[in-house]
Amino acid sequence: MFASSTQDVPEVLPVPRHIAIIMDGNGRWAKKRFLPRVAGHKRGLDAVRNTVRACSDLGVGYLTLFAFSTENWRRPQEEVSFLMGLFMTALEREVERLHRNDIRLRVIGSRERFSAEIVERIERAEAKTAENSGLLLTIAADYGGRWDVMQAANRLLAQGATSLDEASLAANLSMAYAPEPDLFIRTGGEQRISNFLLWQLAYSELFFTDLLWPDFNAEALQQALTSFQSRERRFGRTSEQLPETQRRG
């Protein structure tokens, strides 16, 4: 019989290195208050600021927020136009705040359908914060998990690859610069991944809450962390194979 080894078990930290969030429920938050959907998106930006601050204070290394999916272009044109304007405003006004707090910004997703002005602001924001060493905030915009896998495969084929393996594909994904998320959070009551980080979420702990995104705050984040800390992350192993410090129960 082979002896059980714990030497290659990934270290599990009490605070996730990487948290990924689907920020769902802005429109429903507004509708409950008899407000236009765009009011929910404005309020949702406050929740983004608070979550970034809370994650930075907790020592989270990476925070990834799903802001606009490839499927969101199907929404009413008026709402899409508003979201693009809000994105431009955030890039202009929030980047200085991020920079002052030593936060680095990256934006992943296709940029083909964005205006030249948005692309320029993205590039300017990424360049301004590139040397910061604190929390790495990633915004997924016009992003889809299937798109991500396909663009990685196409990139390898363009490089002359005749076969693909997991390591080479992972190295060409949009978030090759970050560890895979330890914790995935979705607000708004829905319990699905919705084409977000399909490859990277393979071993993430999932946490769903009925809170609508504009109501998400530091207390709600702590509830997700408490749930995460109660999980036994085995990565395909048995409990007995884990170091004693990582066992639960």
C-alpha atoms as a PDB file:
ATOM      1  CA  MET A   1       0.000   0.000   0.000  1.00  0.00           C
ATOM      2  CA  PHE A   2       1.107   3.555  -0.638  1.00  0.00           C
ATOM      3  CA  ALA A   3       1.555   5.863   2.315  1.00  0.00           C
ATOM      4  CA  SER A   4      -0.654   8.944   2.434  1.00  0.00           C
ATOM      5  CA  SER A   5       1.349  12.095   1.897  1.00  0.00           C
ATOM      6  CA  THR A   6       0.382  15.617   2.930  1.00  0.00           C
ATOM      7  CA  GLN A   7       3.401  17.291   1.378  1.00  0.00           C
ATOM      8  CA  ASP A   8       1.553  18.435  -1.753  1.00  0.00           C
ATOM      9  CA  VAL A   9      -1.670  19.546  -0.069  1.00  0.00           C
ATOM     10  CA  PRO A  10      -2.200  23.261  -0.855  1.00  0.00           C
ATOM     11  CA  GLU A  11      -1.930  25.491   2.178  1.00  0.00           C
ATOM     12  CA  VAL A  12      -5.352  26.681   3.321  1.00  0.00           C
ATOM     13  CA  LEU A  13      -5.263  30.119   4.891  1.00  0.00           C
ATOM     14  CA  PRO A  14      -7.933  31.522   7.260  1.00  0.00           C
ATOM     15  CA  VAL A  15      -8.384  34.502   4.928  1.00  0.00           C
ATOM     16  CA  PRO A  16      -8.747  33.628   1.224  1.00  0.00           C
ATOM     17  CA  ARG A  17      -5.918  34.781  -0.997  1.00  0.00           C
ATOM     18  CA  HIS A  18      -8.394  35.362  -3.810  1.00  0.00           C
ATOM     19  CA  ILE A  19     -12.117  36.184  -3.649  1.00  0.00           C
ATOM     20  CA  ALA A  20     -14.273  36.331  -6.777  1.00  0.00           C
ATOM     21  CA  ILE A  21     -17.739  37.917  -6.691  1.00  0.00           C
ATOM     22  CA  ILE A  22     -20.750  38.074  -8.999  1.00  0.00           C
ATOM     23  CA  MET A  23     -22.420  41.331  -8.000  1.00  0.00           C
ATOM     24  CA  ASP A  24     -26.059  40.470  -8.684  1.00  0.00           C
ATOM     25  CA  GLY A  25     -29.237  42.304  -7.743  1.00  0.00           C
ATOM     26  CA  ASN A  26     -28.735  45.992  -8.601  1.00  0.00           C
ATOM     27  CA  GLY A  27     -31.860  46.153 -10.763  1.00  0.00           C
ATOM     28  CA  ARG A  28     -34.043  44.313  -8.259  1.00  0.00           C
ATOM     29  CA  TRP A  29     -32.765  46.534  -5.441  1.00  0.00           C
ATOM     30  CA  ALA A  30     -33.958  49.572  -7.401  1.00  0.00           C
ATOM     31  CA  LYS A  31     -37.269  47.982  -8.412  1.00  0.00           C
ATOM     32  CA  LYS A  32     -38.126  47.219  -4.765  1.00  0.00           C
ATOM     33  CA  ARG A  33     -37.772  50.938  -4.094  1.00  0.00           C
ATOM     34  CA  PHE A  34     -39.732  52.021  -7.184  1.00  0.00           C
ATOM     35  CA  LEU A  35     -36.565  53.469  -8.687  1.00  0.00           C
ATOM     36  CA  PRO A  36     -35.153  53.056 -12.200  1.00  0.00           C
ATOM     37  CA  ARG A  37     -32.691  50.182 -12.604  1.00  0.00           C
ATOM     38  CA  VAL A  38     -29.838  52.621 -13.114  1.00  0.00           C
ATOM     39  CA  ALA A  39     -30.266  53.813  -9.514  1.00  0.00           C
ATOM     40  CA  GLY A  40     -29.363  50.306  -8.387  1.00  0.00           C
ATOM     41  CA  HIS A  41     -26.185  50.359 -10.444  1.00  0.00           C
ATOM     42  CA  LYS A  42     -25.176  53.679  -8.894  1.00  0.00           C
ATOM     43  CA  ARG A  43     -25.751  52.299  -5.403  1.00  0.00           C
ATOM     44  CA  GLY A  44     -23.885  49.145  -6.359  1.00  0.00           C
ATOM     45  CA  LEU A  45     -20.756  51.220  -6.926  1.00  0.00           C
ATOM     46  CA  ASP A  46     -20.838  52.145  -3.228  1.00  0.00           C
ATOM     47  CA  ALA A  47     -20.860  48.442  -2.378  1.00  0.00           C
ATOM     48  CA  VAL A  48     -17.831  47.965  -4.636  1.00  0.00           C
ATOM     49  CA  ARG A  49     -15.903  50.665  -2.757  1.00  0.00           C
ATOM     50  CA  ASN A  50     -16.813  49.157   0.617  1.00  0.00           C
ATOM     51  CA  THR A  51     -15.902  45.619  -0.458  1.00  0.00           C
ATOM     52  CA  VAL A  52     -12.555  46.684  -1.891  1.00  0.00           C
ATOM     53  CA  ARG A  53     -11.772  48.509   1.347  1.00  0.00           C
ATOM     54  CA  ALA A  54     -12.817  45.558   3.516  1.00  0.00           C
ATOM     55  CA  CYS A  55     -10.797  43.038   1.485  1.00  0.00           C
ATOM     56  CA  SER A  56      -7.745  45.279   1.581  1.00  0.00           C
ATOM     57  CA  ASP A  57      -8.046  45.677   5.358  1.00  0.00           C
ATOM     58  CA  LEU A  58      -8.382  41.901   5.814  1.00  0.00           C
ATOM     59  CA  GLY A  59      -5.255  41.169   3.811  1.00  0.00           C
ATOM     60  CA  VAL A  60      -6.957  39.518   0.831  1.00  0.00           C
ATOM     61  CA  GLY A  61      -4.449  39.463  -2.013  1.00  0.00           C
ATOM     62  CA  TYR A  62      -6.791  39.334  -5.014  1.00  0.00           C
ATOM     63  CA  LEU A  63     -10.380  40.473  -5.511  1.00  0.00           C
ATOM     64  CA  THR A  64     -12.156  39.827  -8.808  1.00  0.00           C
ATOM     65  CA  LEU A  65     -15.533  41.423  -9.560  1.00  0.00           C
ATOM     66  CA  PHE A  66     -17.830  40.415 -12.430  1.00  0.00           C
ATOM     67  CA  ALA A  67     -19.025  43.796 -13.686  1.00  0.00           C
ATOM     68  CA  PHE A  68     -20.315  43.111 -17.199  1.00  0.00           C
ATOM     69  CA  SER A  69     -20.638  39.769 -18.956  1.00  0.00           C
ATOM     70  CA  THR A  70     -20.581  38.973 -22.658  1.00  0.00           C
ATOM     71  CA  GLU A  71     -24.314  38.247 -22.289  1.00  0.00           C
ATOM     72  CA  ASN A  72     -25.099  41.638 -20.722  1.00  0.00           C
ATOM     73  CA  TRP A  73     -25.013  43.289 -24.155  1.00  0.00           C
ATOM     74  CA  ARG A  74     -28.489  41.775 -24.592  1.00  0.00           C
ATOM     75  CA  ARG A  75     -29.938  44.143 -21.987  1.00  0.00           C
ATOM     76  CA  PRO A  76     -31.963  47.196 -23.051  1.00  0.00           C
ATOM     77  CA  GLN A  77     -29.772  49.658 -24.936  1.00  0.00           C
ATOM     78  CA  GLU A  78     -30.548  52.449 -22.484  1.00  0.00           C
ATOM     79  CA  GLU A  79     -29.232  50.358 -19.572  1.00  0.00           C
ATOM     80  CA  VAL A  80     -26.134  49.234 -21.500  1.00  0.00           C
ATOM     81  CA  SER A  81     -25.352  52.856 -22.386  1.00  0.00           C
ATOM     82  CA  PHE A  82     -25.715  53.866 -18.751  1.00  0.00           C
ATOM     83  CA  LEU A  83     -23.424  51.054 -17.617  1.00  0.00           C
ATOM     84  CA  MET A  84     -20.773  52.091 -20.122  1.00  0.00           C
ATOM     85  CA  GLY A  85     -21.004  55.665 -18.857  1.00  0.00           C
ATOM     86  CA  LEU A  86     -20.783  54.496 -15.251  1.00  0.00           C
ATOM     87  CA  PHE A  87     -17.745  52.400 -16.138  1.00  0.00           C
ATOM     88  CA  MET A  88     -16.041  55.431 -17.698  1.00  0.00           C
ATOM     89  CA  THR A  89     -16.864  57.585 -14.689  1.00  0.00           C
ATOM     90  CA  ALA A  90     -15.533  54.964 -12.276  1.00  0.00           C
ATOM     91  CA  LEU A  91     -12.323  54.618 -14.269  1.00  0.00           C
ATOM     92  CA  GLU A  92     -11.859  58.386 -14.101  1.00  0.00           C
ATOM     93  CA  ARG A  93     -12.845  59.021 -10.486  1.00  0.00           C
ATOM     94  CA  GLU A  94     -11.993  55.853  -8.587  1.00  0.00           C
ATOM     95  CA  VAL A  95      -8.500  55.167  -9.900  1.00  0.00           C
ATOM     96  CA  GLU A  96      -6.888  57.935  -7.867  1.00  0.00           C
ATOM     97  CA  ARG A  97      -8.509  56.503  -4.732  1.00  0.00           C
ATOM     98  CA  LEU A  98      -7.197  53.019  -5.600  1.00  0.00           C
ATOM     99  CA  HIS A  99      -3.738  54.420  -6.260  1.00  0.00           C
ATOM    100  CA  ARG A 100      -3.633  56.266  -2.924  1.00  0.00           C
ATOM    101  CA  ASN A 101      -4.440  52.983  -1.178  1.00  0.00           C
ATOM    102  CA  ASP A 102      -1.718  51.024  -3.009  1.00  0.00           C
ATOM    103  CA  ILE A 103      -4.298  48.940  -4.924  1.00  0.00           C
ATOM    104  CA  ARG A 104      -3.474  47.613  -8.371  1.00  0.00           C
ATOM    105  CA  LEU A 105      -6.195  47.486 -11.040  1.00  0.00           C
ATOM    106  CA  ARG A 106      -6.523  45.018 -13.906  1.00  0.00           C
ATOM    107  CA  VAL A 107      -9.437  44.697 -16.355  1.00  0.00           C
ATOM    108  CA  ILE A 108     -10.056  41.380 -18.111  1.00  0.00           C
ATOM    109  CA  GLY A 109     -12.362  40.545 -20.991  1.00  0.00           C
ATOM    110  CA  SER A 110     -12.687  41.445 -24.645  1.00  0.00           C
ATOM    111  CA  ARG A 111     -12.225  45.137 -25.437  1.00  0.00           C
ATOM    112  CA  GLU A 112     -13.424  44.956 -29.034  1.00  0.00           C
ATOM    113  CA  ARG A 113     -16.900  46.326 -28.333  1.00  0.00           C
ATOM    114  CA  PHE A 114     -15.783  49.093 -25.988  1.00  0.00           C
ATOM    115  CA  SER A 115     -15.351  52.620 -27.298  1.00  0.00           C
ATOM    116  CA  ALA A 116     -11.826  53.898 -27.899  1.00  0.00           C
ATOM    117  CA  GLU A 117     -12.272  56.255 -24.946  1.00  0.00           C
ATOM    118  CA  ILE A 118     -13.103  53.421 -22.550  1.00  0.00           C
ATOM    119  CA  VAL A 119     -10.142  51.364 -23.769  1.00  0.00           C
ATOM    120  CA  GLU A 120      -7.852  54.366 -23.301  1.00  0.00           C
ATOM    121  CA  ARG A 121      -9.090  54.917 -19.749  1.00  0.00           C
ATOM    122  CA  ILE A 122      -8.638  51.223 -18.926  1.00  0.00           C
ATOM    123  CA  GLU A 123      -5.052  51.307 -20.168  1.00  0.00           C
ATOM    124  CA  ARG A 124      -4.353  54.534 -18.314  1.00  0.00           C
ATOM    125  CA  ALA A 125      -5.786  53.167 -15.061  1.00  0.00           C
ATOM    126  CA  GLU A 126      -3.826  49.919 -15.331  1.00  0.00           C
ATOM    127  CA  ALA A 127      -0.596  51.798 -16.047  1.00  0.00           C
ATOM    128  CA  LYS A 128      -1.111  54.234 -13.157  1.00  0.00           C
ATOM    129  CA  THR A 129      -1.560  51.463 -10.589  1.00  0.00           C
ATOM    130  CA  ALA A 130       0.825  48.895 -12.113  1.00  0.00           C
ATOM    131  CA  GLU A 131       3.576  49.321  -9.513  1.00  0.00           C
ATOM    132  CA  ASN A 132       1.284  49.160  -6.474  1.00  0.00           C
ATOM    133  CA  SER A 133       1.831  46.231  -4.128  1.00  0.00           C
ATOM    134  CA  GLY A 134      -1.426  45.955  -2.177  1.00  0.00           C
ATOM    135  CA  LEU A 135      -4.673  44.261  -3.147  1.00  0.00           C
ATOM    136  CA  LEU A 136      -4.924  43.368  -6.840  1.00  0.00           C
ATOM    137  CA  LEU A 137      -8.426  44.321  -7.966  1.00  0.00           C
ATOM    138  CA  THR A 138      -9.596  42.731 -11.219  1.00  0.00           C
ATOM    139  CA  ILE A 139     -12.722  43.931 -13.008  1.00  0.00           C
ATOM    140  CA  ALA A 140     -14.215  41.454 -15.483  1.00  0.00           C
ATOM    141  CA  ALA A 141     -15.943  43.481 -18.208  1.00  0.00           C
ATOM    142  CA  ASP A 142     -17.307  42.017 -21.452  1.00  0.00           C
ATOM    143  CA  TYR A 143     -15.991  38.793 -20.002  1.00  0.00           C
ATOM    144  CA  GLY A 144     -17.214  35.209 -20.283  1.00  0.00           C
ATOM    145  CA  GLY A 145     -15.626  32.008 -19.049  1.00  0.00           C
ATOM    146  CA  ARG A 146     -16.155  30.224 -22.365  1.00  0.00           C
ATOM    147  CA  TRP A 147     -14.631  33.178 -24.220  1.00  0.00           C
ATOM    148  CA  ASP A 148     -11.659  33.014 -21.874  1.00  0.00           C
ATOM    149  CA  VAL A 149     -10.959  29.336 -22.569  1.00  0.00           C
ATOM    150  CA  MET A 150     -11.415  29.807 -26.311  1.00  0.00           C
ATOM    151  CA  GLN A 151      -9.104  32.824 -26.511  1.00  0.00           C
ATOM    152  CA  ALA A 152      -6.452  30.906 -24.559  1.00  0.00           C
ATOM    153  CA  ALA A 153      -6.727  27.932 -26.945  1.00  0.00           C
ATOM    154  CA  ASN A 154      -6.617  30.176 -30.008  1.00  0.00           C
ATOM    155  CA  ARG A 155      -3.567  31.976 -28.639  1.00  0.00           C
ATOM    156  CA  LEU A 156      -1.751  28.664 -28.258  1.00  0.00           C
ATOM    157  CA  LEU A 157      -2.723  27.580 -31.766  1.00  0.00           C
ATOM    158  CA  ALA A 158      -1.440  30.886 -33.125  1.00  0.00           C
ATOM    159  CA  GLN A 159       1.857  30.181 -31.373  1.00  0.00           C
ATOM    160  CA  GLY A 160       2.101  26.916 -33.281  1.00  0.00           C
ATOM    161  CA  ALA A 161       0.949  24.463 -30.625  1.00  0.00           C
ATOM    162  CA  THR A 162      -0.141  21.100 -32.051  1.00  0.00           C
ATOM    163  CA  SER A 163      -1.647  19.842 -28.790  1.00  0.00           C
ATOM    164  CA  LEU A 164      -2.937  21.436 -25.601  1.00  0.00           C
ATOM    165  CA  ASP A 165      -2.416  20.566 -21.951  1.00  0.00           C
ATOM    166  CA  GLU A 166      -3.813  22.049 -18.749  1.00  0.00           C
ATOM    167  CA  ALA A 167      -0.651  23.918 -17.799  1.00  0.00           C
ATOM    168  CA  SER A 168      -0.230  25.680 -21.130  1.00  0.00           C
ATOM    169  CA  LEU A 169      -3.926  26.543 -21.366  1.00  0.00           C
ATOM    170  CA  ALA A 170      -3.992  27.938 -17.815  1.00  0.00           C
ATOM    171  CA  ALA A 171      -0.933  30.059 -18.584  1.00  0.00           C
ATOM    172  CA  ASN A 172      -2.836  31.765 -21.407  1.00  0.00           C
ATOM    173  CA  LEU A 173      -6.079  32.517 -19.554  1.00  0.00           C
ATOM    174  CA  SER A 174      -6.965  36.113 -18.740  1.00  0.00           C
ATOM    175  CA  MET A 175      -6.058  35.683 -15.069  1.00  0.00           C
ATOM    176  CA  ALA A 176      -2.848  33.721 -15.418  1.00  0.00           C
ATOM    177  CA  TYR A 177      -1.287  36.354 -13.131  1.00  0.00           C
ATOM    178  CA  ALA A 178      -3.432  35.348 -10.135  1.00  0.00           C
ATOM    179  CA  PRO A 179      -4.018  32.197  -8.082  1.00  0.00           C
ATOM    180  CA  GLU A 180      -7.364  30.506  -8.625  1.00  0.00           C
ATOM    181  CA  PRO A 181     -10.126  31.903  -6.376  1.00  0.00           C
ATOM    182  CA  ASP A 182     -10.390  30.298  -2.950  1.00  0.00           C
ATOM    183  CA  LEU A 183     -13.852  31.755  -2.377  1.00  0.00           C
ATOM    184  CA  PHE A 184     -16.610  32.582  -4.850  1.00  0.00           C
ATOM    185  CA  ILE A 185     -19.504  34.773  -3.679  1.00  0.00           C
ATOM    186  CA  ARG A 186     -22.726  35.496  -5.520  1.00  0.00           C
ATOM    187  CA  THR A 187     -25.293  37.938  -4.210  1.00  0.00           C
ATOM    188  CA  GLY A 188     -28.934  38.257  -5.244  1.00  0.00           C
ATOM    189  CA  GLY A 189     -30.213  34.771  -4.407  1.00  0.00           C
ATOM    190  CA  GLU A 190     -29.277  33.024  -7.661  1.00  0.00           C
ATOM    191  CA  GLN A 191     -27.174  29.876  -7.311  1.00  0.00           C
ATOM    192  CA  ARG A 192     -25.208  29.517 -10.518  1.00  0.00           C
ATOM    193  CA  ILE A 193     -21.824  30.562 -11.897  1.00  0.00           C
ATOM    194  CA  SER A 194     -23.202  32.265 -15.025  1.00  0.00           C
ATOM    195  CA  ASN A 195     -20.187  31.777 -17.286  1.00  0.00           C
ATOM    196  CA  PHE A 196     -17.777  33.417 -14.824  1.00  0.00           C
ATOM    197  CA  LEU A 197     -14.223  32.059 -14.452  1.00  0.00           C
ATOM    198  CA  LEU A 198     -15.316  28.567 -15.503  1.00  0.00           C
ATOM    199  CA  TRP A 199     -11.802  27.129 -15.503  1.00  0.00           C
ATOM    200  CA  GLN A 200     -10.567  28.948 -12.416  1.00  0.00           C
ATOM    201  CA  LEU A 201     -13.509  28.076 -10.126  1.00  0.00           C
ATOM    202  CA  ALA A 202     -12.923  24.307 -10.341  1.00  0.00           C
ATOM    203  CA  TYR A 203     -11.953  24.002  -6.652  1.00  0.00           C
ATOM    204  CA  SER A 204     -13.311  27.243  -5.230  1.00  0.00           C
ATOM    205  CA  GLU A 205     -15.611  27.254  -2.214  1.00  0.00           C
ATOM    206  CA  LEU A 206     -19.008  28.639  -3.246  1.00  0.00           C
ATOM    207  CA  PHE A 207     -21.089  31.001  -1.104  1.00  0.00           C
ATOM    208  CA  PHE A 208     -24.524  32.276  -2.145  1.00  0.00           C
ATOM    209  CA  THR A 209     -26.483  34.966  -0.338  1.00  0.00           C
ATOM    210  CA  ASP A 210     -29.955  36.407  -0.859  1.00  0.00           C
ATOM    211  CA  LEU A 211     -28.638  39.917  -0.192  1.00  0.00           C
ATOM    212  CA  LEU A 212     -28.870  42.159  -3.223  1.00  0.00           C
ATOM    213  CA  TRP A 213     -25.512  43.617  -4.204  1.00  0.00           C
ATOM    214  CA  PRO A 214     -26.181  47.228  -3.070  1.00  0.00           C
ATOM    215  CA  ASP A 215     -26.852  45.832   0.433  1.00  0.00           C
ATOM    216  CA  PHE A 216     -23.613  43.808   0.554  1.00  0.00           C
ATOM    217  CA  ASN A 217     -21.313  45.184   3.263  1.00  0.00           C
ATOM    218  CA  ALA A 218     -18.434  44.257   5.562  1.00  0.00           C
ATOM    219  CA  GLU A 219     -20.748  42.213   7.794  1.00  0.00           C
ATOM    220  CA  ALA A 220     -21.994  40.204   4.806  1.00  0.00           C
ATOM    221  CA  LEU A 221     -18.408  39.642   3.691  1.00  0.00           C
ATOM    222  CA  GLN A 222     -17.559  38.362   7.167  1.00  0.00           C
ATOM    223  CA  GLN A 223     -20.435  35.867   6.964  1.00  0.00           C
ATOM    224  CA  ALA A 224     -18.950  34.526   3.738  1.00  0.00           C
ATOM    225  CA  LEU A 225     -15.508  34.297   5.353  1.00  0.00           C
ATOM    226  CA  THR A 226     -16.930  32.481   8.377  1.00  0.00           C
ATOM    227  CA  SER A 227     -18.521  29.946   6.046  1.00  0.00           C
ATOM    228  CA  PHE A 228     -15.242  29.592   4.136  1.00  0.00           C
ATOM    229  CA  GLN A 229     -13.296  28.993   7.338  1.00  0.00           C
ATOM    230  CA  SER A 230     -15.645  26.144   8.286  1.00  0.00           C
ATOM    231  CA  ARG A 231     -15.010  24.236   5.044  1.00  0.00           C
ATOM    232  CA  GLU A 232     -12.616  21.301   4.738  1.00  0.00           C
ATOM    233  CA  ARG A 233     -10.763  21.799   1.475  1.00  0.00           C
ATOM    234  CA  ARG A 234      -9.598  18.362   0.375  1.00  0.00           C
ATOM    235  CA  PHE A 235      -8.778  18.918  -3.324  1.00  0.00           C
ATOM    236  CA  GLY A 236      -9.726  15.312  -4.124  1.00  0.00           C
ATOM    237  CA  ARG A 237      -8.139  13.769  -1.038  1.00  0.00           C
ATOM    238  CA  THR A 238      -9.681  12.218   2.064  1.00  0.00           C
ATOM    239  CA  SER A 239      -9.818  13.989   5.413  1.00  0.00           C
ATOM    240  CA  GLU A 240      -7.147  11.635   6.756  1.00  0.00           C
ATOM    241  CA  GLN A 241      -4.677  12.803   4.108  1.00  0.00           C
ATOM    242  CA  LEU A 242      -4.909  16.437   5.194  1.00  0.00           C
ATOM    243  CA  PRO A 243      -2.591  18.034   7.742  1.00  0.00           C
ATOM    244  CA  GLU A 244      -4.312  18.071  11.136  1.00  0.00           C
ATOM    245  CA  THR A 245      -4.484  21.871  11.049  1.00  0.00           C
ATOM    246  CA  GLN A 246      -6.692  21.719   7.921  1.00  0.00           C
ATOM    247  CA  ARG A 247      -9.190  19.130   9.132  1.00  0.00           C
ATOM    248  CA  ARG A 248     -12.683  20.149  10.219  1.00  0.00           C
ATOM    249  CA  GLY A 249     -14.714  18.220  12.752  1.00  0.00           C
END
